[in-house]
Amino acid sequence: MNIDKQIYDLFSKTIYHTLKKKKALTYTEIVDGIEDCFKEQKIKFKGSVSWYAVTIKHDMHARGVIEVFTEKGKKLHKLKK
């Protein structure tokens, strides 16, 4: 799957920024954070935010930027130290 570099950069920076604010977040909280960020910055994105979020989140995990773990039955994501 090829994703436009501008879209990848936009989402990866927004995911990073969203995770930096909190200790750990669920996938749904990450998507909500992306949508909030887009609203704050007045970014109108026509594609599926959730599809790009999950795709780029998985790539960031594969690259070692994000750590995924389970706590109290919830799958959580945080930035690697």
N, C-alpha and C. Protein backbone atom coordinates (compact mmCIF):
# COMPACT_ATOMS: atom_id res chain seq x y z
N MET A 1 0.85 -1.18 0.00
CA MET A 1 0.00 0.00 0.00
C MET A 1 0.89 1.24 0.00
N ASN A 2 0.62 2.13 -0.91
CA ASN A 2 1.35 3.40 -0.97
C ASN A 2 0.46 4.53 -0.46
N ILE A 3 1.01 5.33 0.41
CA ILE A 3 0.31 6.49 0.95
C ILE A 3 1.12 7.72 0.58
N ASP A 4 0.42 8.75 0.14
CA ASP A 4 1.07 10.01 -0.20
C ASP A 4 1.91 10.50 0.98
N LYS A 5 3.11 10.94 0.71
CA LYS A 5 4.04 11.36 1.78
C LYS A 5 3.44 12.47 2.65
N GLN A 6 2.75 13.43 2.03
CA GLN A 6 2.16 14.52 2.82
C GLN A 6 1.12 13.99 3.80
N ILE A 7 0.31 13.03 3.35
CA ILE A 7 -0.71 12.45 4.23
C ILE A 7 -0.03 11.65 5.33
N TYR A 8 0.99 10.86 4.97
CA TYR A 8 1.72 10.08 5.97
C TYR A 8 2.32 11.01 7.02
N ASP A 9 2.99 12.05 6.58
CA ASP A 9 3.62 12.99 7.52
C ASP A 9 2.59 13.66 8.42
N LEU A 10 1.46 14.06 7.83
CA LEU A 10 0.40 14.71 8.60
C LEU A 10 -0.10 13.78 9.70
N PHE A 11 -0.41 12.55 9.35
CA PHE A 11 -0.94 11.61 10.33
C PHE A 11 0.11 11.18 11.34
N SER A 12 1.34 10.91 10.89
CA SER A 12 2.36 10.45 11.84
C SER A 12 2.68 11.54 12.85
N LYS A 13 2.76 12.78 12.41
CA LYS A 13 3.02 13.89 13.34
C LYS A 13 1.85 14.08 14.31
N THR A 14 0.63 13.93 13.79
CA THR A 14 -0.55 14.10 14.63
C THR A 14 -0.66 12.97 15.64
N ILE A 15 -0.38 11.74 15.22
CA ILE A 15 -0.39 10.60 16.14
C ILE A 15 0.67 10.80 17.22
N TYR A 16 1.86 11.20 16.81
CA TYR A 16 2.95 11.45 17.75
C TYR A 16 2.53 12.52 18.77
N HIS A 17 1.98 13.62 18.27
CA HIS A 17 1.55 14.73 19.13
C HIS A 17 0.45 14.27 20.10
N THR A 18 -0.48 13.47 19.60
CA THR A 18 -1.59 12.97 20.43
C THR A 18 -1.08 12.06 21.53
N LEU A 19 -0.15 11.16 21.18
CA LEU A 19 0.40 10.24 22.19
C LEU A 19 1.31 10.95 23.19
N LYS A 20 1.92 12.03 22.76
CA LYS A 20 2.82 12.77 23.65
C LYS A 20 2.04 13.44 24.79
N LYS A 21 0.77 13.77 24.53
CA LYS A 21 -0.06 14.44 25.54
C LYS A 21 -0.44 13.52 26.70
N LYS A 22 -0.59 12.23 26.42
CA LYS A 22 -1.06 11.27 27.43
C LYS A 22 -0.05 10.15 27.60
N LYS A 23 -0.16 9.44 28.70
CA LYS A 23 0.75 8.34 28.99
C LYS A 23 0.51 7.18 28.03
N ALA A 24 -0.75 6.81 27.81
CA ALA A 24 -1.11 5.71 26.91
C ALA A 24 -2.56 5.90 26.46
N LEU A 25 -2.82 5.52 25.21
CA LEU A 25 -4.15 5.71 24.65
C LEU A 25 -4.62 4.47 23.91
N THR A 26 -5.94 4.29 23.86
CA THR A 26 -6.52 3.25 23.03
C THR A 26 -6.55 3.76 21.59
N TYR A 27 -6.82 2.86 20.66
CA TYR A 27 -6.91 3.26 19.25
C TYR A 27 -8.01 4.31 19.07
N THR A 28 -9.15 4.12 19.70
CA THR A 28 -10.26 5.07 19.58
C THR A 28 -9.86 6.45 20.09
N GLU A 29 -9.11 6.49 21.18
CA GLU A 29 -8.64 7.77 21.72
C GLU A 29 -7.63 8.44 20.79
N ILE A 30 -6.84 7.63 20.09
CA ILE A 30 -5.90 8.19 19.11
C ILE A 30 -6.67 8.83 17.97
N VAL A 31 -7.68 8.14 17.45
CA VAL A 31 -8.49 8.69 16.35
C VAL A 31 -9.19 9.97 16.81
N ASP A 32 -9.75 9.96 18.01
CA ASP A 32 -10.40 11.17 18.55
C ASP A 32 -9.39 12.31 18.64
N GLY A 33 -8.17 12.01 19.08
CA GLY A 33 -7.12 13.03 19.18
C GLY A 33 -6.74 13.59 17.83
N ILE A 34 -6.67 12.73 16.81
CA ILE A 34 -6.37 13.19 15.45
C ILE A 34 -7.47 14.12 14.97
N GLU A 35 -8.72 13.71 15.15
CA GLU A 35 -9.85 14.54 14.71
C GLU A 35 -9.87 15.88 15.44
N ASP A 36 -9.58 15.87 16.73
CA ASP A 36 -9.52 17.12 17.51
C ASP A 36 -8.41 18.02 16.98
N CYS A 37 -7.26 17.43 16.70
CA CYS A 37 -6.12 18.19 16.18
C CYS A 37 -6.47 18.82 14.83
N PHE A 38 -7.12 18.05 13.98
CA PHE A 38 -7.52 18.56 12.68
C PHE A 38 -8.49 19.74 12.83
N LYS A 39 -9.43 19.62 13.79
CA LYS A 39 -10.38 20.70 14.02
C LYS A 39 -9.67 21.95 14.52
N GLU A 40 -8.74 21.77 15.47
CA GLU A 40 -7.99 22.90 16.03
C GLU A 40 -7.19 23.63 14.95
N GLN A 41 -6.59 22.85 14.05
CA GLN A 41 -5.75 23.42 13.00
C GLN A 41 -6.52 23.73 11.72
N LYS A 42 -7.84 23.50 11.77
CA LYS A 42 -8.74 23.77 10.63
C LYS A 42 -8.29 23.00 9.37
N ILE A 43 -7.92 21.74 9.58
CA ILE A 43 -7.53 20.86 8.48
C ILE A 43 -8.77 20.09 8.05
N LYS A 44 -9.12 20.20 6.77
CA LYS A 44 -10.26 19.46 6.24
C LYS A 44 -9.71 18.27 5.48
N PHE A 45 -9.93 17.07 6.05
CA PHE A 45 -9.43 15.85 5.44
C PHE A 45 -10.61 15.09 4.85
N LYS A 46 -10.53 14.79 3.56
CA LYS A 46 -11.66 14.17 2.87
C LYS A 46 -11.67 12.64 2.96
N GLY A 47 -10.53 12.03 3.26
CA GLY A 47 -10.46 10.57 3.34
C GLY A 47 -10.95 10.05 4.68
N SER A 48 -10.80 8.76 4.89
CA SER A 48 -11.20 8.11 6.13
C SER A 48 -10.10 8.29 7.18
N VAL A 49 -10.37 9.11 8.17
CA VAL A 49 -9.39 9.37 9.23
C VAL A 49 -9.03 8.06 9.94
N SER A 50 -10.03 7.25 10.24
CA SER A 50 -9.75 6.01 10.98
C SER A 50 -8.91 5.04 10.16
N TRP A 51 -9.13 4.95 8.84
CA TRP A 51 -8.34 4.04 8.01
C TRP A 51 -6.87 4.48 7.98
N TYR A 52 -6.64 5.76 7.73
CA TYR A 52 -5.26 6.26 7.70
C TYR A 52 -4.62 6.15 9.08
N ALA A 53 -5.40 6.40 10.13
CA ALA A 53 -4.86 6.33 11.49
C ALA A 53 -4.37 4.92 11.80
N VAL A 54 -5.18 3.91 11.51
CA VAL A 54 -4.77 2.54 11.84
C VAL A 54 -3.60 2.10 10.96
N THR A 55 -3.61 2.47 9.70
CA THR A 55 -2.53 2.08 8.79
C THR A 55 -1.20 2.70 9.21
N ILE A 56 -1.21 3.98 9.48
CA ILE A 56 0.02 4.69 9.84
C ILE A 56 0.46 4.32 11.25
N LYS A 57 -0.51 4.08 12.15
CA LYS A 57 -0.18 3.63 13.50
C LYS A 57 0.56 2.29 13.45
N HIS A 58 0.08 1.37 12.61
CA HIS A 58 0.75 0.07 12.46
C HIS A 58 2.17 0.24 11.92
N ASP A 59 2.34 1.15 10.97
CA ASP A 59 3.66 1.40 10.41
C ASP A 59 4.59 1.98 11.48
N MET A 60 4.08 2.90 12.27
CA MET A 60 4.89 3.50 13.33
C MET A 60 5.27 2.44 14.37
N HIS A 61 4.39 1.50 14.63
CA HIS A 61 4.69 0.41 15.55
C HIS A 61 5.78 -0.48 14.96
N ALA A 62 5.66 -0.80 13.68
CA ALA A 62 6.67 -1.64 13.01
C ALA A 62 8.04 -0.96 12.99
N ARG A 63 8.06 0.35 12.92
CA ARG A 63 9.33 1.10 12.90
C ARG A 63 9.89 1.34 14.30
N GLY A 64 9.14 0.95 15.32
CA GLY A 64 9.63 1.09 16.69
C GLY A 64 9.37 2.45 17.32
N VAL A 65 8.48 3.23 16.75
CA VAL A 65 8.16 4.55 17.31
C VAL A 65 7.11 4.42 18.41
N ILE A 66 6.17 3.49 18.19
CA ILE A 66 5.06 3.28 19.12
C ILE A 66 5.19 1.89 19.74
N GLU A 67 4.85 1.82 21.00
CA GLU A 67 4.81 0.55 21.72
C GLU A 67 3.34 0.20 21.97
N VAL A 68 2.98 -1.06 21.76
CA VAL A 68 1.62 -1.53 22.00
C VAL A 68 1.66 -2.54 23.14
N PHE A 69 0.75 -2.38 24.10
CA PHE A 69 0.70 -3.29 25.23
C PHE A 69 -0.73 -3.40 25.74
N THR A 70 -0.97 -4.40 26.57
CA THR A 70 -2.31 -4.61 27.13
C THR A 70 -2.27 -4.35 28.63
N GLU A 71 -3.27 -3.61 29.09
CA GLU A 71 -3.37 -3.30 30.51
C GLU A 71 -4.84 -3.34 30.90
N LYS A 72 -5.16 -4.14 31.89
CA LYS A 72 -6.54 -4.30 32.37
C LYS A 72 -7.48 -4.64 31.21
N GLY A 73 -7.03 -5.48 30.31
CA GLY A 73 -7.85 -5.93 29.19
C GLY A 73 -7.98 -4.95 28.04
N LYS A 74 -7.28 -3.83 28.10
CA LYS A 74 -7.33 -2.82 27.03
C LYS A 74 -6.02 -2.82 26.27
N LYS A 75 -6.13 -2.74 24.96
CA LYS A 75 -4.93 -2.60 24.12
C LYS A 75 -4.58 -1.12 24.09
N LEU A 76 -3.38 -0.78 24.55
CA LEU A 76 -2.96 0.61 24.64
C LEU A 76 -1.71 0.87 23.80
N HIS A 77 -1.53 2.13 23.46
CA HIS A 77 -0.40 2.55 22.64
C HIS A 77 0.31 3.71 23.34
N LYS A 78 1.63 3.69 23.27
CA LYS A 78 2.39 4.81 23.82
C LYS A 78 3.66 4.97 23.00
N LEU A 79 4.29 6.12 23.14
CA LEU A 79 5.54 6.36 22.46
C LEU A 79 6.64 5.58 23.15
N LYS A 80 7.53 5.01 22.37
CA LYS A 80 8.67 4.31 22.95
C LYS A 80 9.63 5.34 23.49
N LYS A 81 10.31 5.00 24.56
CA LYS A 81 11.26 5.93 25.17
C LYS A 81 12.59 5.85 24.50
